[in-house]
N, C-alpha and C. Protein backbone atom coordinates (compact mmCIF):
# COMPACT_ATOMS: atom_id res chain seq x y z
N MET A 1 55.09 -154.52 47.04
CA MET A 1 55.55 -153.17 47.35
C MET A 1 55.41 -152.24 46.13
N ASP A 2 56.17 -152.55 45.07
CA ASP A 2 56.22 -151.65 43.92
C ASP A 2 54.87 -151.59 43.20
N GLY A 3 54.28 -150.40 43.17
CA GLY A 3 53.03 -150.21 42.44
C GLY A 3 51.78 -150.52 43.23
N THR A 4 51.93 -151.15 44.39
CA THR A 4 50.77 -151.45 45.23
C THR A 4 50.81 -150.63 46.51
N ILE A 5 51.91 -150.71 47.22
CA ILE A 5 52.07 -149.94 48.46
C ILE A 5 52.59 -148.53 48.16
N ALA A 6 53.48 -148.43 47.19
CA ALA A 6 54.07 -147.12 46.87
C ALA A 6 54.44 -147.06 45.40
N ASP A 7 54.57 -145.85 44.89
CA ASP A 7 54.95 -145.64 43.49
C ASP A 7 56.47 -145.63 43.38
N THR A 8 57.08 -146.78 43.59
CA THR A 8 58.54 -146.89 43.58
C THR A 8 59.11 -147.10 42.18
N GLN A 9 58.26 -147.30 41.19
CA GLN A 9 58.75 -147.59 39.84
C GLN A 9 59.70 -146.52 39.30
N PRO A 10 59.41 -145.22 39.41
CA PRO A 10 60.37 -144.22 38.92
C PRO A 10 61.73 -144.33 39.60
N LEU A 11 61.73 -144.63 40.90
CA LEU A 11 62.99 -144.79 41.63
C LEU A 11 63.74 -146.03 41.13
N CYS A 12 63.04 -147.14 40.96
CA CYS A 12 63.67 -148.36 40.47
C CYS A 12 64.30 -148.13 39.10
N LEU A 13 63.57 -147.52 38.20
CA LEU A 13 64.08 -147.29 36.85
C LEU A 13 65.29 -146.36 36.86
N ALA A 14 65.24 -145.31 37.67
CA ALA A 14 66.37 -144.38 37.75
C ALA A 14 67.60 -145.08 38.30
N ALA A 15 67.42 -145.94 39.30
CA ALA A 15 68.55 -146.67 39.87
C ALA A 15 69.12 -147.66 38.86
N PHE A 16 68.25 -148.33 38.12
CA PHE A 16 68.73 -149.23 37.07
C PHE A 16 69.53 -148.45 36.02
N GLN A 17 69.01 -147.31 35.61
CA GLN A 17 69.70 -146.54 34.57
C GLN A 17 71.07 -146.07 35.03
N ALA A 18 71.18 -145.67 36.31
CA ALA A 18 72.49 -145.28 36.85
C ALA A 18 73.45 -146.46 36.86
N ALA A 19 72.96 -147.62 37.29
CA ALA A 19 73.81 -148.81 37.35
C ALA A 19 74.21 -149.28 35.96
N LEU A 20 73.28 -149.23 35.01
CA LEU A 20 73.55 -149.73 33.67
C LEU A 20 74.46 -148.79 32.89
N LEU A 21 74.33 -147.50 33.12
CA LEU A 21 75.21 -146.55 32.44
C LEU A 21 76.65 -146.79 32.86
N ALA A 22 76.85 -147.11 34.14
CA ALA A 22 78.19 -147.33 34.66
C ALA A 22 78.78 -148.67 34.24
N THR A 23 77.93 -149.67 34.08
CA THR A 23 78.45 -151.02 33.82
C THR A 23 78.19 -151.52 32.40
N GLY A 24 77.20 -150.95 31.74
CA GLY A 24 76.86 -151.41 30.39
C GLY A 24 77.40 -150.54 29.28
N GLY A 25 77.94 -149.38 29.64
CA GLY A 25 78.58 -148.52 28.66
C GLY A 25 77.64 -147.72 27.79
N ARG A 26 76.35 -147.74 28.09
CA ARG A 26 75.38 -146.96 27.31
C ARG A 26 74.12 -146.77 28.13
N GLU A 27 73.25 -145.89 27.64
CA GLU A 27 71.96 -145.72 28.28
C GLU A 27 70.99 -146.81 27.81
N PHE A 28 70.26 -147.36 28.76
CA PHE A 28 69.24 -148.35 28.44
C PHE A 28 67.88 -147.69 28.55
N THR A 29 66.98 -148.05 27.65
CA THR A 29 65.64 -147.48 27.70
C THR A 29 64.82 -148.15 28.80
N GLU A 30 63.75 -147.48 29.20
CA GLU A 30 62.86 -148.08 30.19
C GLU A 30 62.28 -149.39 29.68
N ASP A 31 61.96 -149.46 28.40
CA ASP A 31 61.40 -150.70 27.84
C ASP A 31 62.41 -151.84 27.93
N GLU A 32 63.67 -151.55 27.69
CA GLU A 32 64.71 -152.59 27.79
C GLU A 32 64.82 -153.11 29.22
N ILE A 33 64.70 -152.22 30.18
CA ILE A 33 64.80 -152.61 31.58
C ILE A 33 63.57 -153.41 32.01
N ILE A 34 62.40 -152.89 31.69
CA ILE A 34 61.16 -153.54 32.10
C ILE A 34 61.04 -154.92 31.47
N ALA A 35 61.62 -155.10 30.29
CA ALA A 35 61.53 -156.38 29.59
C ALA A 35 62.18 -157.53 30.37
N VAL A 36 63.13 -157.22 31.26
CA VAL A 36 63.80 -158.28 32.03
C VAL A 36 63.27 -158.39 33.46
N TYR A 37 62.22 -157.63 33.79
CA TYR A 37 61.64 -157.72 35.13
C TYR A 37 61.15 -159.15 35.39
N GLY A 38 61.22 -159.53 36.64
CA GLY A 38 60.82 -160.86 37.08
C GLY A 38 61.76 -161.34 38.16
N PRO A 39 63.06 -161.49 37.85
CA PRO A 39 64.03 -161.75 38.91
C PRO A 39 64.21 -160.50 39.78
N SER A 40 64.90 -160.66 40.90
CA SER A 40 65.26 -159.49 41.71
C SER A 40 66.28 -158.65 40.93
N GLU A 41 66.67 -157.52 41.48
CA GLU A 41 67.51 -156.57 40.75
C GLU A 41 68.80 -157.19 40.22
N GLY A 42 69.43 -158.05 41.03
CA GLY A 42 70.66 -158.69 40.58
C GLY A 42 70.44 -159.55 39.35
N GLY A 43 69.32 -160.25 39.30
CA GLY A 43 69.01 -161.07 38.14
C GLY A 43 68.72 -160.23 36.91
N CYS A 44 68.03 -159.11 37.10
CA CYS A 44 67.77 -158.20 35.97
C CYS A 44 69.08 -157.65 35.41
N LEU A 45 69.98 -157.25 36.30
CA LEU A 45 71.26 -156.72 35.86
C LEU A 45 72.10 -157.78 35.16
N ARG A 46 72.02 -159.01 35.65
CA ARG A 46 72.76 -160.10 35.01
C ARG A 46 72.29 -160.29 33.57
N ALA A 47 70.98 -160.14 33.36
CA ALA A 47 70.44 -160.30 32.01
C ALA A 47 70.91 -159.20 31.07
N LEU A 48 71.24 -158.03 31.63
CA LEU A 48 71.58 -156.88 30.80
C LEU A 48 73.09 -156.62 30.68
N VAL A 49 73.85 -156.91 31.74
CA VAL A 49 75.29 -156.60 31.70
C VAL A 49 76.16 -157.80 32.07
N GLY A 50 75.56 -158.97 32.18
CA GLY A 50 76.35 -160.18 32.39
C GLY A 50 77.16 -160.18 33.66
N ASP A 51 78.45 -160.44 33.54
CA ASP A 51 79.29 -160.62 34.73
C ASP A 51 79.61 -159.33 35.47
N ARG A 52 79.09 -158.21 35.01
CA ARG A 52 79.25 -156.95 35.75
C ARG A 52 78.03 -156.67 36.63
N ALA A 53 77.17 -157.66 36.76
CA ALA A 53 75.93 -157.48 37.52
C ALA A 53 76.19 -157.15 38.98
N GLU A 54 77.17 -157.80 39.61
CA GLU A 54 77.44 -157.53 41.02
C GLU A 54 77.88 -156.08 41.23
N GLU A 55 78.73 -155.60 40.36
CA GLU A 55 79.13 -154.19 40.41
C GLU A 55 77.92 -153.29 40.19
N GLY A 56 77.08 -153.66 39.23
CA GLY A 56 75.89 -152.86 38.95
C GLY A 56 74.93 -152.83 40.11
N LEU A 57 74.79 -153.95 40.82
CA LEU A 57 73.86 -153.99 41.95
C LEU A 57 74.33 -153.06 43.06
N LYS A 58 75.62 -152.99 43.29
CA LYS A 58 76.16 -152.07 44.30
C LYS A 58 75.81 -150.63 43.95
N ILE A 59 75.96 -150.26 42.68
CA ILE A 59 75.62 -148.90 42.24
C ILE A 59 74.12 -148.68 42.36
N TYR A 60 73.34 -149.68 41.97
CA TYR A 60 71.88 -149.59 42.06
C TYR A 60 71.46 -149.26 43.49
N LEU A 61 71.94 -150.03 44.45
CA LEU A 61 71.51 -149.84 45.84
C LEU A 61 72.00 -148.50 46.40
N GLU A 62 73.20 -148.07 46.01
CA GLU A 62 73.69 -146.77 46.45
C GLU A 62 72.79 -145.65 45.93
N TYR A 63 72.42 -145.73 44.66
CA TYR A 63 71.52 -144.73 44.08
C TYR A 63 70.16 -144.80 44.75
N TYR A 64 69.65 -146.01 44.93
CA TYR A 64 68.32 -146.22 45.51
C TYR A 64 68.24 -145.57 46.88
N GLN A 65 69.25 -145.77 47.70
CA GLN A 65 69.26 -145.20 49.04
C GLN A 65 69.42 -143.68 49.00
N ALA A 66 70.30 -143.19 48.15
CA ALA A 66 70.60 -141.75 48.12
C ALA A 66 69.41 -140.93 47.62
N HIS A 67 68.58 -141.49 46.77
CA HIS A 67 67.52 -140.71 46.12
C HIS A 67 66.11 -141.11 46.54
N HIS A 68 65.99 -142.04 47.47
CA HIS A 68 64.67 -142.53 47.86
C HIS A 68 63.78 -141.41 48.40
N GLN A 69 64.30 -140.63 49.32
CA GLN A 69 63.49 -139.57 49.93
C GLN A 69 63.06 -138.53 48.92
N ARG A 70 63.88 -138.29 47.90
CA ARG A 70 63.55 -137.29 46.89
C ARG A 70 62.52 -137.80 45.89
N ILE A 71 62.68 -139.04 45.43
CA ILE A 71 61.83 -139.56 44.37
C ILE A 71 60.56 -140.23 44.91
N CYS A 72 60.68 -140.95 46.02
CA CYS A 72 59.52 -141.68 46.55
C CYS A 72 59.56 -141.65 48.08
N PRO A 73 59.14 -140.53 48.69
CA PRO A 73 59.28 -140.39 50.14
C PRO A 73 58.20 -141.07 50.97
N THR A 74 57.06 -141.38 50.37
CA THR A 74 55.93 -141.91 51.15
C THR A 74 55.19 -142.99 50.37
N PRO A 75 54.43 -143.84 51.06
CA PRO A 75 53.54 -144.76 50.35
C PRO A 75 52.41 -143.99 49.68
N PHE A 76 51.57 -144.70 48.94
CA PHE A 76 50.39 -144.07 48.36
C PHE A 76 49.52 -143.51 49.49
N PRO A 77 48.89 -142.34 49.28
CA PRO A 77 47.98 -141.80 50.30
C PRO A 77 46.90 -142.81 50.65
N GLY A 78 46.68 -142.99 51.95
CA GLY A 78 45.67 -143.91 52.42
C GLY A 78 46.17 -145.30 52.73
N MET A 79 47.41 -145.62 52.31
CA MET A 79 47.91 -146.98 52.51
C MET A 79 48.15 -147.27 54.00
N ARG A 80 48.64 -146.30 54.73
CA ARG A 80 48.85 -146.53 56.17
C ARG A 80 47.51 -146.81 56.87
N GLN A 81 46.48 -146.13 56.43
CA GLN A 81 45.16 -146.34 57.03
C GLN A 81 44.64 -147.75 56.70
N VAL A 82 44.97 -148.25 55.52
CA VAL A 82 44.60 -149.64 55.18
C VAL A 82 45.29 -150.60 56.14
N PHE A 83 46.57 -150.39 56.39
CA PHE A 83 47.29 -151.26 57.33
C PHE A 83 46.71 -151.15 58.73
N ASP A 84 46.37 -149.93 59.14
CA ASP A 84 45.77 -149.75 60.47
C ASP A 84 44.46 -150.53 60.57
N LEU A 85 43.64 -150.48 59.53
CA LEU A 85 42.36 -151.17 59.51
C LEU A 85 42.56 -152.68 59.62
N VAL A 86 43.49 -153.21 58.82
CA VAL A 86 43.74 -154.65 58.85
C VAL A 86 44.20 -155.09 60.23
N GLU A 87 45.09 -154.33 60.83
CA GLU A 87 45.59 -154.68 62.15
C GLU A 87 44.49 -154.56 63.20
N ALA A 88 43.66 -153.54 63.09
CA ALA A 88 42.58 -153.35 64.06
C ALA A 88 41.57 -154.50 63.99
N ARG A 89 41.42 -155.11 62.82
CA ARG A 89 40.50 -156.24 62.67
C ARG A 89 41.15 -157.57 63.07
N GLY A 90 42.41 -157.51 63.48
CA GLY A 90 43.08 -158.71 63.96
C GLY A 90 43.60 -159.62 62.87
N ALA A 91 43.72 -159.12 61.65
CA ALA A 91 44.22 -159.93 60.54
C ALA A 91 45.74 -159.79 60.43
N ALA A 92 46.36 -160.80 59.87
CA ALA A 92 47.81 -160.77 59.64
C ALA A 92 48.11 -160.07 58.32
N LEU A 93 49.28 -159.46 58.25
CA LEU A 93 49.75 -158.83 57.02
C LEU A 93 51.04 -159.52 56.59
N ALA A 94 51.08 -159.98 55.36
CA ALA A 94 52.29 -160.54 54.78
C ALA A 94 52.63 -159.75 53.52
N LEU A 95 53.91 -159.70 53.20
CA LEU A 95 54.37 -158.98 52.01
C LEU A 95 55.16 -159.93 51.14
N ILE A 96 54.76 -160.05 49.88
CA ILE A 96 55.47 -160.86 48.90
C ILE A 96 55.88 -159.95 47.76
N THR A 97 57.16 -159.93 47.45
CA THR A 97 57.67 -159.02 46.43
C THR A 97 58.76 -159.71 45.63
N GLY A 98 58.90 -159.29 44.38
CA GLY A 98 59.97 -159.81 43.55
C GLY A 98 61.29 -159.09 43.74
N LYS A 99 61.29 -157.99 44.49
CA LYS A 99 62.53 -157.22 44.65
C LYS A 99 63.42 -157.86 45.71
N SER A 100 64.64 -157.40 45.78
CA SER A 100 65.61 -157.99 46.70
C SER A 100 65.34 -157.56 48.13
N ALA A 101 65.87 -158.32 49.08
CA ALA A 101 65.75 -157.97 50.49
C ALA A 101 66.43 -156.63 50.77
N ALA A 102 67.53 -156.34 50.07
CA ALA A 102 68.28 -155.11 50.33
C ALA A 102 67.48 -153.87 49.94
N SER A 103 66.89 -153.87 48.75
CA SER A 103 66.12 -152.69 48.34
C SER A 103 64.82 -152.59 49.12
N LEU A 104 64.21 -153.73 49.43
CA LEU A 104 62.98 -153.69 50.23
C LEU A 104 63.25 -153.10 51.61
N ALA A 105 64.38 -153.45 52.21
CA ALA A 105 64.72 -152.90 53.53
C ALA A 105 64.80 -151.38 53.48
N LEU A 106 65.30 -150.84 52.38
CA LEU A 106 65.36 -149.38 52.23
C LEU A 106 63.96 -148.80 52.13
N ASP A 107 63.08 -149.45 51.36
CA ASP A 107 61.69 -149.00 51.26
C ASP A 107 61.04 -148.96 52.64
N LEU A 108 61.13 -150.07 53.36
CA LEU A 108 60.46 -150.17 54.65
C LEU A 108 60.98 -149.13 55.63
N ALA A 109 62.29 -148.87 55.60
CA ALA A 109 62.88 -147.89 56.51
C ALA A 109 62.40 -146.48 56.18
N VAL A 110 62.42 -146.12 54.89
CA VAL A 110 61.98 -144.78 54.48
C VAL A 110 60.51 -144.57 54.81
N PHE A 111 59.69 -145.59 54.58
CA PHE A 111 58.26 -145.47 54.80
C PHE A 111 57.85 -145.72 56.25
N GLY A 112 58.78 -146.18 57.09
CA GLY A 112 58.44 -146.49 58.48
C GLY A 112 57.53 -147.69 58.61
N LEU A 113 57.73 -148.69 57.77
CA LEU A 113 56.86 -149.86 57.75
C LEU A 113 57.57 -151.13 58.21
N GLU A 114 58.70 -150.97 58.90
CA GLU A 114 59.52 -152.14 59.26
C GLU A 114 58.77 -153.17 60.10
N LYS A 115 57.80 -152.72 60.90
CA LYS A 115 57.13 -153.65 61.82
C LYS A 115 55.70 -153.97 61.42
N ARG A 116 55.34 -153.65 60.19
CA ARG A 116 53.95 -153.84 59.76
C ARG A 116 53.64 -155.28 59.37
N PHE A 117 54.62 -156.04 58.92
CA PHE A 117 54.35 -157.33 58.29
C PHE A 117 54.84 -158.48 59.15
N GLN A 118 53.96 -159.46 59.35
CA GLN A 118 54.34 -160.65 60.12
C GLN A 118 55.29 -161.55 59.33
N ILE A 119 55.12 -161.59 58.02
CA ILE A 119 55.95 -162.43 57.15
C ILE A 119 56.30 -161.63 55.91
N ILE A 120 57.55 -161.77 55.46
CA ILE A 120 58.01 -161.12 54.23
C ILE A 120 58.73 -162.15 53.37
N LYS A 121 58.37 -162.21 52.10
CA LYS A 121 59.06 -163.05 51.12
C LYS A 121 59.59 -162.14 50.02
N THR A 122 60.89 -162.19 49.79
CA THR A 122 61.51 -161.34 48.77
C THR A 122 61.88 -162.14 47.54
N GLY A 123 62.32 -161.41 46.51
CA GLY A 123 62.65 -162.04 45.24
C GLY A 123 64.01 -162.71 45.25
N ARG A 124 64.32 -163.35 44.11
CA ARG A 124 65.57 -164.08 43.95
C ARG A 124 66.17 -163.75 42.58
N PRO A 125 67.50 -163.74 42.47
CA PRO A 125 68.13 -163.42 41.18
C PRO A 125 67.72 -164.36 40.06
N GLU A 126 67.41 -165.61 40.41
CA GLU A 126 67.03 -166.58 39.38
C GLU A 126 65.57 -166.45 38.96
N GLY A 127 64.81 -165.61 39.66
CA GLY A 127 63.42 -165.39 39.29
C GLY A 127 62.47 -165.68 40.43
N ALA A 128 61.31 -165.05 40.38
CA ALA A 128 60.32 -165.18 41.45
C ALA A 128 59.47 -166.43 41.26
N ASP A 129 58.93 -166.94 42.36
CA ASP A 129 57.93 -168.00 42.33
C ASP A 129 56.86 -167.61 43.34
N LYS A 130 56.03 -166.65 42.92
CA LYS A 130 55.05 -166.11 43.86
C LYS A 130 54.02 -167.13 44.32
N PRO A 131 53.54 -168.04 43.48
CA PRO A 131 52.61 -169.04 44.01
C PRO A 131 53.21 -169.85 45.16
N ALA A 132 54.48 -170.23 45.02
CA ALA A 132 55.15 -170.97 46.10
C ALA A 132 55.28 -170.11 47.34
N ASP A 133 55.60 -168.83 47.15
CA ASP A 133 55.71 -167.92 48.30
C ASP A 133 54.36 -167.75 48.98
N MET A 134 53.30 -167.65 48.19
CA MET A 134 51.95 -167.52 48.77
C MET A 134 51.58 -168.75 49.58
N ARG A 135 51.86 -169.93 49.02
CA ARG A 135 51.56 -171.15 49.76
C ARG A 135 52.39 -171.25 51.04
N ALA A 136 53.64 -170.78 50.99
CA ALA A 136 54.49 -170.81 52.18
C ALA A 136 53.95 -169.87 53.25
N VAL A 137 53.48 -168.69 52.85
CA VAL A 137 52.90 -167.75 53.81
C VAL A 137 51.68 -168.36 54.48
N LEU A 138 50.81 -168.96 53.69
CA LEU A 138 49.61 -169.59 54.25
C LEU A 138 50.00 -170.66 55.27
N ALA A 139 51.00 -171.46 54.94
CA ALA A 139 51.42 -172.53 55.85
C ALA A 139 51.99 -171.95 57.15
N GLU A 140 52.78 -170.89 57.03
CA GLU A 140 53.38 -170.28 58.22
C GLU A 140 52.34 -169.63 59.11
N LEU A 141 51.28 -169.11 58.51
CA LEU A 141 50.21 -168.47 59.28
C LEU A 141 49.14 -169.47 59.72
N GLY A 142 49.20 -170.69 59.21
CA GLY A 142 48.21 -171.70 59.56
C GLY A 142 46.84 -171.39 58.97
N LEU A 143 46.83 -170.86 57.74
CA LEU A 143 45.58 -170.46 57.09
C LEU A 143 45.30 -171.32 55.86
N ARG A 144 44.02 -171.47 55.56
CA ARG A 144 43.60 -172.06 54.30
C ARG A 144 43.50 -170.95 53.25
N PRO A 145 43.62 -171.28 51.97
CA PRO A 145 43.56 -170.24 50.93
C PRO A 145 42.31 -169.37 51.02
N GLU A 146 41.17 -169.98 51.38
CA GLU A 146 39.93 -169.19 51.45
C GLU A 146 39.90 -168.23 52.63
N GLU A 147 40.89 -168.31 53.51
CA GLU A 147 40.96 -167.40 54.66
C GLU A 147 41.89 -166.22 54.41
N ALA A 148 42.37 -166.09 53.19
CA ALA A 148 43.31 -165.02 52.87
C ALA A 148 42.96 -164.40 51.53
N VAL A 149 43.53 -163.25 51.28
CA VAL A 149 43.34 -162.57 50.00
C VAL A 149 44.66 -161.89 49.63
N TYR A 150 44.93 -161.83 48.34
CA TYR A 150 46.16 -161.19 47.87
C TYR A 150 45.81 -159.90 47.14
N VAL A 151 46.62 -158.87 47.36
CA VAL A 151 46.45 -157.59 46.68
C VAL A 151 47.68 -157.34 45.84
N GLY A 152 47.50 -157.13 44.54
CA GLY A 152 48.65 -156.89 43.67
C GLY A 152 48.29 -156.09 42.45
N ASP A 153 49.30 -155.48 41.83
CA ASP A 153 49.06 -154.55 40.72
C ASP A 153 49.44 -155.09 39.36
N ALA A 154 50.07 -156.28 39.29
CA ALA A 154 50.56 -156.80 38.02
C ALA A 154 49.72 -157.97 37.53
N PRO A 155 49.66 -158.18 36.22
CA PRO A 155 48.96 -159.36 35.70
C PRO A 155 49.47 -160.66 36.32
N THR A 156 50.77 -160.75 36.55
CA THR A 156 51.32 -161.98 37.15
C THR A 156 50.83 -162.17 38.59
N ASP A 157 50.45 -161.10 39.26
CA ASP A 157 49.88 -161.25 40.60
C ASP A 157 48.56 -162.00 40.54
N ILE A 158 47.78 -161.73 39.51
CA ILE A 158 46.49 -162.40 39.36
C ILE A 158 46.70 -163.88 39.05
N THR A 159 47.56 -164.17 38.08
CA THR A 159 47.79 -165.57 37.73
C THR A 159 48.45 -166.34 38.87
N SER A 160 49.34 -165.69 39.62
CA SER A 160 50.00 -166.35 40.75
C SER A 160 49.01 -166.65 41.86
N ALA A 161 48.13 -165.69 42.17
CA ALA A 161 47.14 -165.90 43.21
C ALA A 161 46.19 -167.03 42.83
N ARG A 162 45.78 -167.06 41.58
CA ARG A 162 44.92 -168.14 41.12
C ARG A 162 45.61 -169.50 41.30
N ALA A 163 46.89 -169.56 40.97
CA ALA A 163 47.63 -170.81 41.08
C ALA A 163 47.74 -171.28 42.53
N ALA A 164 47.75 -170.31 43.47
CA ALA A 164 47.84 -170.64 44.89
C ALA A 164 46.48 -170.81 45.54
N GLY A 165 45.40 -170.63 44.76
CA GLY A 165 44.05 -170.79 45.30
C GLY A 165 43.55 -169.61 46.09
N LEU A 166 44.15 -168.44 45.88
CA LEU A 166 43.78 -167.24 46.64
C LEU A 166 42.85 -166.34 45.85
N SER A 167 41.97 -165.65 46.55
CA SER A 167 41.23 -164.55 45.94
C SER A 167 42.21 -163.42 45.67
N ILE A 168 41.95 -162.66 44.61
CA ILE A 168 42.88 -161.60 44.22
C ILE A 168 42.14 -160.28 44.06
N LEU A 169 42.64 -159.26 44.74
CA LEU A 169 42.15 -157.90 44.61
C LEU A 169 43.17 -157.12 43.80
N ALA A 170 42.79 -156.68 42.61
CA ALA A 170 43.73 -156.00 41.72
C ALA A 170 43.86 -154.53 42.11
N ALA A 171 45.10 -154.09 42.27
CA ALA A 171 45.39 -152.71 42.62
C ALA A 171 45.74 -151.94 41.36
N ALA A 172 44.87 -151.03 40.94
CA ALA A 172 45.06 -150.31 39.68
C ALA A 172 45.16 -148.81 39.93
N TRP A 173 45.86 -148.43 41.01
CA TRP A 173 45.92 -147.00 41.34
C TRP A 173 47.28 -146.36 41.02
N ALA A 174 48.27 -147.13 40.64
CA ALA A 174 49.58 -146.55 40.32
C ALA A 174 49.60 -146.00 38.91
N PRO A 175 50.35 -144.93 38.67
CA PRO A 175 50.50 -144.44 37.29
C PRO A 175 51.08 -145.55 36.42
N GLY A 176 50.53 -145.70 35.23
CA GLY A 176 51.06 -146.70 34.31
C GLY A 176 50.55 -148.11 34.51
N THR A 177 49.65 -148.32 35.48
CA THR A 177 49.09 -149.65 35.70
C THR A 177 48.35 -150.12 34.45
N GLU A 178 48.50 -151.41 34.10
CA GLU A 178 47.80 -151.99 32.96
C GLU A 178 46.37 -152.36 33.37
N THR A 179 45.55 -151.35 33.57
CA THR A 179 44.21 -151.58 34.12
C THR A 179 43.38 -152.50 33.24
N ASP A 180 43.37 -152.26 31.94
CA ASP A 180 42.57 -153.10 31.04
C ASP A 180 43.07 -154.53 31.05
N ARG A 181 44.39 -154.70 31.09
CA ARG A 181 44.96 -156.05 31.14
C ARG A 181 44.56 -156.75 32.44
N LEU A 182 44.62 -156.02 33.54
CA LEU A 182 44.22 -156.60 34.83
C LEU A 182 42.75 -157.03 34.77
N ARG A 183 41.91 -156.16 34.27
CA ARG A 183 40.47 -156.45 34.21
C ARG A 183 40.20 -157.67 33.33
N SER A 184 40.95 -157.81 32.24
CA SER A 184 40.72 -158.92 31.32
C SER A 184 41.04 -160.27 31.95
N LEU A 185 41.87 -160.28 33.00
CA LEU A 185 42.24 -161.52 33.67
C LEU A 185 41.24 -161.93 34.75
N GLY A 186 40.23 -161.10 34.98
CA GLY A 186 39.14 -161.47 35.87
C GLY A 186 39.50 -161.55 37.34
N PRO A 187 40.08 -160.51 37.93
CA PRO A 187 40.32 -160.54 39.38
C PRO A 187 38.98 -160.57 40.13
N ASP A 188 39.02 -160.96 41.38
CA ASP A 188 37.78 -160.96 42.17
C ASP A 188 37.22 -159.55 42.30
N ARG A 189 38.09 -158.59 42.48
CA ARG A 189 37.71 -157.17 42.48
C ARG A 189 38.87 -156.37 41.90
N LEU A 190 38.57 -155.23 41.32
CA LEU A 190 39.60 -154.31 40.83
C LEU A 190 39.31 -152.93 41.39
N PHE A 191 40.33 -152.31 41.97
CA PHE A 191 40.17 -151.00 42.59
C PHE A 191 41.12 -150.00 41.92
N THR A 192 40.59 -148.83 41.62
CA THR A 192 41.41 -147.79 41.01
C THR A 192 41.87 -146.74 42.01
N ALA A 193 41.52 -146.91 43.27
CA ALA A 193 41.95 -145.99 44.33
C ALA A 193 42.13 -146.77 45.62
N VAL A 194 43.10 -146.34 46.42
CA VAL A 194 43.36 -147.00 47.70
C VAL A 194 42.11 -146.94 48.58
N GLU A 195 41.37 -145.83 48.49
CA GLU A 195 40.16 -145.67 49.30
C GLU A 195 39.12 -146.75 48.98
N GLU A 196 39.08 -147.21 47.73
CA GLU A 196 38.15 -148.27 47.36
C GLU A 196 38.54 -149.58 48.04
N LEU A 197 39.83 -149.87 48.09
CA LEU A 197 40.29 -151.06 48.80
C LEU A 197 39.95 -150.96 50.28
N ALA A 198 40.17 -149.80 50.87
CA ALA A 198 39.86 -149.61 52.29
C ALA A 198 38.39 -149.85 52.56
N GLY A 199 37.52 -149.34 51.68
CA GLY A 199 36.09 -149.54 51.87
C GLY A 199 35.70 -151.00 51.76
N TYR A 200 36.31 -151.71 50.82
CA TYR A 200 36.03 -153.14 50.67
C TYR A 200 36.44 -153.91 51.92
N LEU A 201 37.63 -153.62 52.43
CA LEU A 201 38.12 -154.32 53.62
C LEU A 201 37.27 -153.97 54.84
N ARG A 202 36.84 -152.72 54.92
CA ARG A 202 36.01 -152.31 56.05
C ARG A 202 34.71 -153.11 56.10
N GLU A 203 34.18 -153.40 54.92
CA GLU A 203 32.92 -154.15 54.84
C GLU A 203 33.11 -155.65 55.01
N ASN A 204 34.26 -156.18 54.60
CA ASN A 204 34.41 -157.62 54.49
C ASN A 204 35.32 -158.27 55.52
N LEU A 205 36.20 -157.50 56.14
CA LEU A 205 37.06 -158.11 57.16
C LEU A 205 36.26 -158.32 58.43
N PRO A 206 36.24 -159.54 58.96
CA PRO A 206 35.53 -159.77 60.23
C PRO A 206 36.18 -159.03 61.38
N ARG A 207 35.38 -158.63 62.32
CA ARG A 207 35.94 -157.98 63.52
C ARG A 207 36.49 -159.03 64.46
N PRO A 208 37.47 -158.65 65.29
CA PRO A 208 38.06 -159.63 66.22
C PRO A 208 36.99 -160.25 67.11
């Protein structure tokens, strides 16, 4: 979701800062927050404010819901058309994210994407295991790794997909994406615009 389907990063950081100011007693920098990314929001807050994490998560989700429409009202332009194309070709859509089920539900509701995905795997406070989630999705869909492809914007998406035996399409269209880092990891393809991904899928997805 974050950085691939929509530019939710500014919203996530603002919600973290609101929660941390209330529970940590000071302002945290974006670098301090990003440094603990990996677990879901509750795990990140636990790393920063310890036993006040549950209180912080409540504030985080309240802020996230209250400001979602203002800060991040829509997915990236063209993303809905990508989903339409995938569905028209008869392919399944799965979503794997490190964020919590609670914040993801808010994203899906605001974007109107609640019914787009056949399978959803969310993050955990103790940390994500995306290769395991990818293998679980394949098993649930009855697919071999060569019958699927993963799209992600982070370096860990590339390494996770490789570990699961999946082809990886790197999404480098969000502001602040580590494009050079992604390219250095050798994804199967790297796209700097959603339209490039759509064109690739149009050419390569088999018709029903």
